[in-house]
């Protein structure tokens, strides 16, 4: 199958997170034609009887290095269908682009590396080593029963991977601009300050918690660090403030603020929690705070494989690849506990947008880069 055919088929599956919509069977049927062994891995909540389908597929051909391509088939909801120029789950090719939910994030990259693997095996049937694909349908949501659980399964079964490429859309404008070699950690926080409810006309009979909250938040605005060689400075952003008030003449009993901290490798999540509490305590102790850690910061790269990717990009796209650590969290945070990992995929300009699309030429270049990387990986 051609790249556009594979992507069109993938788009046709309504794989809204955490459902695969039948897309994993389509992938296994494709891979089995190249003698891959495909294992479906179902993880979930037995109490709620909700399970996520994942897949690990591999082709082992003698002793040699093991390269894994990782990705997700799940997509975010399309939003208002009336806002789309076409059915989001029916691929449309127009003006050199392919439109549909997931075209950019990240079914396009999956199609690109499957074509690269096919093309590699056409000429390198006797390669020595292992090629595998790690695919989940639980990345866009809670990511609780997806790649995280696959990695645990791989460790339990003592399956060693030398290097992994995650096909997330990392490039701003052109394929070959940016690869991600790490990500910042993320902590969500809920800060609550209590007061005493009362009428706004009689403030002496009440305690307004808003004043205290402002003091706490001002203290938290102080810089956390200046960054380091691989990461930009950590940052704290307030995302919401809520009193629950529905009237204008009531001093609230309490007020809550939500904020998120993106932090670099200067800290662990435990360090961040301590810093936040210490800063709050310098203002007062009239608060409660809850933390939810989404991920720790990481950078786990291989100089050799990073060099292979840079050379592959230069040879195919004629671009000097930049290594970066910006952006949100991704499944690479789980894979980094298993092996060196780099994220490199298509152009991410329209991910999660209405009329999501990707340039076909970009996917062809991406597939050629993946192919060139495979050649270098197994020739060394």
Protein backbone atom coordinates (compact mmCIF):
# COMPACT_ATOMS: atom_id res chain seq x y z
CA UNK A 1 0.00 0.00 0.00
CA UNK A 2 1.03 3.57 -0.66
CA UNK A 3 1.60 6.04 2.18
CA UNK A 4 -1.58 8.00 1.43
CA UNK A 5 -3.61 4.77 1.30
CA UNK A 6 -2.37 3.68 4.72
CA UNK A 7 -3.03 7.10 6.23
CA UNK A 8 -6.49 7.31 4.65
CA UNK A 9 -7.38 3.94 6.18
CA UNK A 10 -6.07 5.01 9.59
CA UNK A 11 -8.08 8.24 9.49
CA UNK A 12 -11.24 6.25 8.69
CA UNK A 13 -11.14 4.56 12.11
CA UNK A 14 -13.02 6.65 14.68
CA UNK A 15 -10.35 6.13 17.33
CA UNK A 16 -11.32 8.80 19.84
CA UNK A 17 -9.20 8.32 22.95
CA UNK A 18 -9.02 5.77 24.56
CA UNK A 19 -10.58 3.65 21.78
CA UNK A 20 -8.61 2.28 18.84
CA UNK A 21 -11.74 1.95 16.69
CA UNK A 22 -10.35 -1.10 14.87
CA UNK A 23 -7.17 0.65 13.74
CA UNK A 24 -4.85 -1.75 15.59
CA UNK A 25 -6.25 -4.75 13.70
CA UNK A 26 -5.58 -2.89 10.47
CA UNK A 27 -1.98 -2.29 11.57
CA UNK A 28 -1.44 -5.90 12.62
CA UNK A 29 -2.81 -7.13 9.27
CA UNK A 30 -0.30 -4.86 7.50
CA UNK A 31 2.63 -5.95 9.66
CA UNK A 32 1.86 -9.66 9.51
CA UNK A 33 2.41 -9.46 5.74
CA UNK A 34 6.04 -8.71 6.62
CA UNK A 35 6.13 -11.58 9.16
CA UNK A 36 5.83 -9.39 12.25
CA UNK A 37 4.59 -11.04 15.43
CA UNK A 38 1.76 -8.89 16.80
CA UNK A 39 0.59 -9.02 20.40
CA UNK A 40 -2.44 -7.09 21.63
CA UNK A 41 -2.09 -5.89 25.21
CA UNK A 42 -5.27 -4.97 27.05
CA UNK A 43 -4.90 -2.95 30.23
CA UNK A 44 -7.54 -1.17 32.24
CA UNK A 45 -9.83 -0.92 35.22
CA UNK A 46 -11.44 -4.25 36.11
CA UNK A 47 -13.90 -2.56 38.48
CA UNK A 48 -15.30 -0.36 35.71
CA UNK A 49 -14.71 -3.01 33.05
CA UNK A 50 -12.94 -0.42 30.91
CA UNK A 51 -9.90 -1.55 28.96
CA UNK A 52 -7.45 0.05 26.58
CA UNK A 53 -6.11 -1.90 23.62
CA UNK A 54 -2.41 -1.59 22.89
CA UNK A 55 -0.13 -3.46 20.52
CA UNK A 56 3.48 -4.56 20.44
CA UNK A 57 4.67 -5.90 17.09
CA UNK A 58 8.18 -7.10 16.30
CA UNK A 59 10.30 -8.71 13.62
CA UNK A 60 13.44 -10.42 14.88
CA UNK A 61 16.05 -11.48 12.36
CA UNK A 62 19.05 -12.90 14.17
CA UNK A 63 21.19 -11.11 16.73
CA UNK A 64 21.64 -7.37 16.45
CA UNK A 65 20.34 -4.03 17.72
CA UNK A 66 16.65 -3.40 18.43
CA UNK A 67 14.93 -0.29 17.06
CA UNK A 68 11.38 0.55 18.16
CA UNK A 69 8.93 3.00 16.59
CA UNK A 70 6.32 4.22 19.08
CA UNK A 71 3.07 6.02 18.48
CA UNK A 72 -0.62 6.38 19.24
CA UNK A 73 -3.68 5.80 17.10
CA UNK A 74 -6.09 7.62 19.40
CA UNK A 75 -7.19 11.13 18.54
CA UNK A 76 -8.93 14.01 20.29
CA UNK A 77 -12.65 14.56 19.56
CA UNK A 78 -13.32 16.46 16.32
CA UNK A 79 -15.48 19.13 17.93
CA UNK A 80 -18.36 20.58 15.91
CA UNK A 81 -18.72 18.56 12.70
CA UNK A 82 -20.33 21.58 11.06
CA UNK A 83 -17.06 23.48 11.46
CA UNK A 84 -15.17 20.93 9.35
CA UNK A 85 -15.03 21.32 5.59
CA UNK A 86 -15.38 17.52 5.29
CA UNK A 87 -16.00 14.43 7.42
CA UNK A 88 -13.10 14.33 9.94
CA UNK A 89 -13.05 10.53 9.72
CA UNK A 90 -12.94 10.33 5.95
CA UNK A 91 -9.61 11.36 4.45
CA UNK A 92 -9.76 14.05 1.78
CA UNK A 93 -6.79 14.89 -0.45
CA UNK A 94 -6.75 18.48 -1.65
CA UNK A 95 -3.97 20.81 -2.81
CA UNK A 96 -1.24 18.37 -1.88
CA UNK A 97 -2.56 17.87 1.65
CA UNK A 98 -4.49 15.08 3.34
CA UNK A 99 -7.25 16.19 5.69
CA UNK A 100 -8.76 14.29 8.62
CA UNK A 101 -8.59 13.92 12.38
CA UNK A 102 -5.22 12.43 13.30
CA UNK A 103 -3.55 13.23 9.97
CA UNK A 104 -1.02 15.36 11.82
CA UNK A 105 -1.17 13.89 15.34
CA UNK A 106 -0.06 11.26 14.72
CA UNK A 107 -1.45 8.78 12.21
CA UNK A 108 0.63 10.41 9.48
CA UNK A 109 3.89 9.44 11.19
CA UNK A 110 2.64 5.88 11.75
CA UNK A 111 1.94 5.57 8.03
CA UNK A 112 5.37 7.08 7.29
CA UNK A 113 7.35 4.63 9.41
CA UNK A 114 5.36 1.62 8.23
CA UNK A 115 6.19 2.54 4.62
CA UNK A 116 9.83 3.07 5.65
CA UNK A 117 9.92 -0.39 7.25
CA UNK A 118 8.37 -1.98 4.15
CA UNK A 119 10.89 -0.24 1.89
CA UNK A 120 13.77 -1.23 4.16
CA UNK A 121 12.74 -4.89 4.20
CA UNK A 122 12.39 -4.91 0.41
CA UNK A 123 16.14 -4.37 0.06
CA UNK A 124 17.50 -5.54 3.44
CA UNK A 125 15.75 -8.84 4.03
CA UNK A 126 18.86 -10.23 5.70
CA UNK A 127 19.39 -7.43 8.23
CA UNK A 128 20.49 -8.55 11.68
CA UNK A 129 18.47 -7.31 14.61
CA UNK A 130 14.91 -6.43 15.62
CA UNK A 131 12.38 -3.87 14.40
CA UNK A 132 9.36 -3.27 16.61
CA UNK A 133 6.31 -1.02 16.87
CA UNK A 134 4.76 0.06 20.16
CA UNK A 135 1.26 1.43 19.59
CA UNK A 136 -1.37 2.65 22.04
CA UNK A 137 -4.86 4.14 21.96
CA UNK A 138 -4.44 5.91 25.30
CA UNK A 139 -2.17 8.91 24.76
CA UNK A 140 -4.48 11.86 24.25
CA UNK A 141 -6.43 11.20 27.46
CA UNK A 142 -5.19 10.06 30.86
CA UNK A 143 -2.39 7.92 29.36
CA UNK A 144 -2.83 5.56 32.31
CA UNK A 145 -3.27 2.27 30.46
CA UNK A 146 -1.24 2.91 27.34
CA UNK A 147 2.50 3.25 26.77
CA UNK A 148 3.12 3.33 30.51
CA UNK A 149 1.73 -0.20 30.82
CA UNK A 150 3.42 -1.44 27.64
CA UNK A 151 6.79 -0.39 29.08
CA UNK A 152 6.01 -2.27 32.30
CA UNK A 153 5.10 -5.35 30.21
CA UNK A 154 8.32 -5.10 28.20
CA UNK A 155 10.39 -4.90 31.38
CA UNK A 156 8.55 -7.84 32.92
CA UNK A 157 9.20 -9.92 29.80
CA UNK A 158 12.85 -8.79 29.68
CA UNK A 159 12.51 -7.35 26.17
CA UNK A 160 15.46 -5.03 25.58
CA UNK A 161 15.20 -2.10 23.18
CA UNK A 162 18.32 -0.19 22.15
CA UNK A 163 16.63 2.93 20.80
CA UNK A 164 13.13 4.29 20.25
CA UNK A 165 11.72 6.93 17.90
CA UNK A 166 8.36 8.42 18.91
CA UNK A 167 6.55 9.82 15.89
CA UNK A 168 4.99 12.86 17.56
CA UNK A 169 4.68 15.96 15.33
CA UNK A 170 7.81 17.84 16.43
CA UNK A 171 8.42 20.16 13.49
CA UNK A 172 7.08 23.76 13.39
CA UNK A 173 7.19 24.40 9.62
CA UNK A 174 9.40 21.90 7.78
CA UNK A 175 10.15 18.23 8.33
CA UNK A 176 13.68 18.02 9.65
CA UNK A 177 13.73 21.19 11.75
CA UNK A 178 13.29 19.81 15.27
CA UNK A 179 13.55 16.59 17.25
CA UNK A 180 12.78 16.30 20.95
CA UNK A 181 15.47 14.73 23.14
CA UNK A 182 13.68 15.35 26.43
CA UNK A 183 10.67 16.97 28.05
CA UNK A 184 9.97 19.05 31.10
CA UNK A 185 8.06 17.62 34.05
CA UNK A 186 4.54 18.75 34.89
CA UNK A 187 2.74 19.25 38.20
CA UNK A 188 -0.88 20.42 38.52
CA UNK A 189 -1.69 22.19 41.78
CA UNK A 190 -4.92 23.13 43.58
CA UNK A 191 -4.46 25.84 46.21
CA UNK A 192 -7.40 26.58 48.54
CA UNK A 193 -7.65 29.45 51.03
CA UNK A 194 -10.45 29.63 53.62
CA UNK A 195 -12.14 32.72 55.03
CA UNK A 196 -15.47 33.52 56.63
CA UNK A 197 -18.56 34.11 54.55
CA UNK A 198 -20.46 37.35 54.99
CA UNK A 199 -22.30 40.28 53.43
CA UNK A 200 -20.12 42.69 51.45
CA UNK A 201 -21.74 45.63 53.29
CA UNK A 202 -20.49 44.29 56.63
CA UNK A 203 -16.86 43.27 56.00
CA UNK A 204 -15.98 43.38 59.71
CA UNK A 205 -18.22 40.37 60.24
CA UNK A 206 -16.42 38.32 57.55
CA UNK A 207 -12.93 37.30 56.45
CA UNK A 208 -12.27 37.67 52.75
CA UNK A 209 -9.94 34.85 51.55
CA UNK A 210 -9.23 36.59 48.25
CA UNK A 211 -6.71 38.97 49.79
CA UNK A 212 -4.68 36.08 51.19
CA UNK A 213 -4.82 34.19 47.91
CA UNK A 214 -3.40 37.19 46.05
CA UNK A 215 -0.46 37.28 48.49
CA UNK A 216 0.19 33.56 48.05
CA UNK A 217 0.05 33.78 44.25
CA UNK A 218 2.33 36.82 44.16
CA UNK A 219 4.93 34.87 46.15
CA UNK A 220 4.66 31.95 43.73
CA UNK A 221 5.41 34.24 40.77
CA UNK A 222 9.07 34.47 41.80
CA UNK A 223 11.33 32.66 39.26
CA UNK A 224 12.13 29.02 39.97
CA UNK A 225 15.42 28.89 38.07
CA UNK A 226 17.25 30.18 35.00
CA UNK A 227 17.18 26.97 33.01
CA UNK A 228 20.16 24.82 32.06
CA UNK A 229 22.09 23.66 29.00
CA UNK A 230 19.20 21.52 27.71
CA UNK A 231 16.10 23.17 29.15
CA UNK A 232 14.46 26.57 29.32
CA UNK A 233 13.60 28.02 32.76
CA UNK A 234 10.86 26.30 34.73
CA UNK A 235 7.59 28.23 34.78
CA UNK A 236 4.42 28.43 36.86
CA UNK A 237 1.16 29.49 35.23
CA UNK A 238 -2.14 30.14 37.04
CA UNK A 239 -4.94 28.54 35.02
CA UNK A 240 -8.08 29.35 37.02
CA UNK A 241 -9.39 31.11 40.15
CA UNK A 242 -12.79 30.19 41.58
CA UNK A 243 -14.88 31.29 44.57
CA UNK A 244 -18.05 29.47 43.56
CA UNK A 245 -19.89 32.78 43.91
CA UNK A 246 -23.04 33.27 41.83
CA UNK A 247 -23.99 36.63 43.39
CA UNK A 248 -22.24 40.00 43.76
CA UNK A 249 -22.95 40.80 47.41
CA UNK A 250 -21.32 37.81 49.11
CA UNK A 251 -17.84 37.60 50.60
CA UNK A 252 -16.86 33.99 49.78
CA UNK A 253 -16.13 31.36 52.41
CA UNK A 254 -13.18 30.06 50.39
CA UNK A 255 -11.33 30.53 47.13
CA UNK A 256 -9.33 28.10 45.03
CA UNK A 257 -6.68 28.60 42.40
CA UNK A 258 -5.36 26.05 39.94
CA UNK A 259 -1.88 26.36 38.51
CA UNK A 260 0.54 24.25 36.53
CA UNK A 261 4.32 24.06 36.87
CA UNK A 262 6.51 22.93 33.97
CA UNK A 263 9.91 22.17 35.45
CA UNK A 264 13.28 21.15 34.06
CA UNK A 265 15.91 18.66 35.20
CA UNK A 266 17.15 21.05 37.90
CA UNK A 267 14.31 19.61 39.99
CA UNK A 268 12.28 16.51 40.75
CA UNK A 269 8.56 16.74 41.50
CA UNK A 270 9.35 16.27 45.19
CA UNK A 271 11.69 19.28 45.07
CA UNK A 272 8.98 21.34 43.37
CA UNK A 273 6.42 20.43 46.04
CA UNK A 274 8.82 21.48 48.80
CA UNK A 275 9.66 24.78 47.11
CA UNK A 276 5.96 25.61 46.69
CA UNK A 277 5.13 24.79 50.31
CA UNK A 278 8.15 26.72 51.60
CA UNK A 279 7.17 29.81 49.62
CA UNK A 280 3.56 29.62 50.74
CA UNK A 281 4.64 29.25 54.37
CA UNK A 282 6.60 32.51 54.21
CA UNK A 283 3.26 34.23 53.57
CA UNK A 284 1.10 32.25 56.00
CA UNK A 285 -0.42 28.87 56.70
CA UNK A 286 -4.05 29.56 55.95
CA UNK A 287 -4.13 27.25 52.96
CA UNK A 288 -4.36 23.67 51.73
CA UNK A 289 -2.70 22.43 48.57
CA UNK A 290 -3.02 19.31 46.46
CA UNK A 291 -0.47 18.17 43.86
CA UNK A 292 -0.95 15.91 40.85
CA UNK A 293 2.28 14.95 39.08
CA UNK A 294 1.80 14.26 35.35
CA UNK A 295 5.44 13.45 34.68
CA UNK A 296 9.04 13.95 35.70
CA UNK A 297 11.50 15.81 33.47
CA UNK A 298 13.82 13.64 31.45
CA UNK A 299 16.56 13.68 28.90
CA UNK A 300 17.76 10.29 27.75
CA UNK A 301 19.57 10.28 24.46
CA UNK A 302 22.22 8.33 22.62
CA UNK A 303 24.95 10.36 20.92
CA UNK A 304 25.36 7.67 18.29
CA UNK A 305 21.69 7.44 17.34
CA UNK A 306 21.24 11.20 17.58
CA UNK A 307 24.07 11.50 15.07
CA UNK A 308 22.38 8.94 12.79
CA UNK A 309 19.16 10.98 12.84
CA UNK A 310 20.94 14.27 12.16
CA UNK A 311 22.80 12.75 9.21
CA UNK A 312 19.59 11.17 7.87
CA UNK A 313 17.76 14.50 7.99
CA UNK A 314 20.65 16.30 6.29
CA UNK A 315 20.90 13.71 3.51
CA UNK A 316 17.15 13.58 2.80
CA UNK A 317 15.87 17.08 3.62
CA UNK A 318 19.05 19.16 3.48
CA UNK A 319 18.26 20.69 6.88
CA UNK A 320 20.34 20.97 10.03
CA UNK A 321 18.27 19.19 12.69
CA UNK A 322 17.86 21.06 16.00
CA UNK A 323 17.54 19.07 19.23
CA UNK A 324 14.97 20.56 21.60
CA UNK A 325 13.19 19.94 24.92
CA UNK A 326 10.28 22.40 24.69
CA UNK A 327 6.59 21.57 24.59
CA UNK A 328 4.24 19.51 26.71
CA UNK A 329 4.48 16.01 28.09
CA UNK A 330 4.41 12.96 25.83
CA UNK A 331 4.65 9.17 26.06
CA UNK A 332 8.41 9.50 25.66
CA UNK A 333 8.47 10.12 29.42
CA UNK A 334 7.53 6.47 29.95
CA UNK A 335 9.82 5.09 27.25
CA UNK A 336 12.79 7.00 28.70
CA UNK A 337 12.68 4.55 31.62
CA UNK A 338 13.34 1.74 29.15
CA UNK A 339 15.84 3.04 26.60
CA UNK A 340 17.22 6.17 24.87
CA UNK A 341 14.41 7.93 23.02
CA UNK A 342 13.97 10.77 20.53
CA UNK A 343 10.69 12.24 19.29
CA UNK A 344 10.62 13.05 15.60
CA UNK A 345 7.58 13.27 13.35
CA UNK A 346 5.64 15.47 10.97
CA UNK A 347 4.86 19.19 11.03
CA UNK A 348 2.56 19.93 13.97
CA UNK A 349 0.98 23.13 12.71
CA UNK A 350 -2.64 21.86 12.65
CA UNK A 351 -2.70 19.21 15.38
CA UNK A 352 -6.00 19.14 17.32
CA UNK A 353 -7.44 21.83 15.03
CA UNK A 354 -10.57 21.88 12.89
CA UNK A 355 -9.60 20.68 9.39
CA UNK A 356 -6.43 19.02 10.70
CA UNK A 357 -4.14 18.22 7.79
CA UNK A 358 -0.62 17.34 6.75
CA UNK A 359 1.29 17.91 3.52
CA UNK A 360 1.76 14.66 1.62
CA UNK A 361 5.24 15.76 0.54
CA UNK A 362 6.18 16.23 4.20
CA UNK A 363 5.13 12.67 5.01
CA UNK A 364 7.12 11.35 2.05
CA UNK A 365 10.21 13.20 3.30
CA UNK A 366 9.57 11.91 6.83
CA UNK A 367 9.28 8.34 5.58
CA UNK A 368 12.53 8.70 3.62
CA UNK A 369 14.27 10.00 6.76
CA UNK A 370 13.00 7.02 8.76
CA UNK A 371 14.26 4.72 6.00
CA UNK A 372 17.68 6.37 5.93
CA UNK A 373 17.87 6.05 9.72
CA UNK A 374 17.04 2.33 9.54
CA UNK A 375 19.85 1.83 7.02
CA UNK A 376 22.36 3.55 9.31
CA UNK A 377 21.03 1.81 12.43
CA UNK A 378 21.53 -1.69 11.03
CA UNK A 379 24.74 -1.00 9.13
CA UNK A 380 26.56 -0.21 12.39
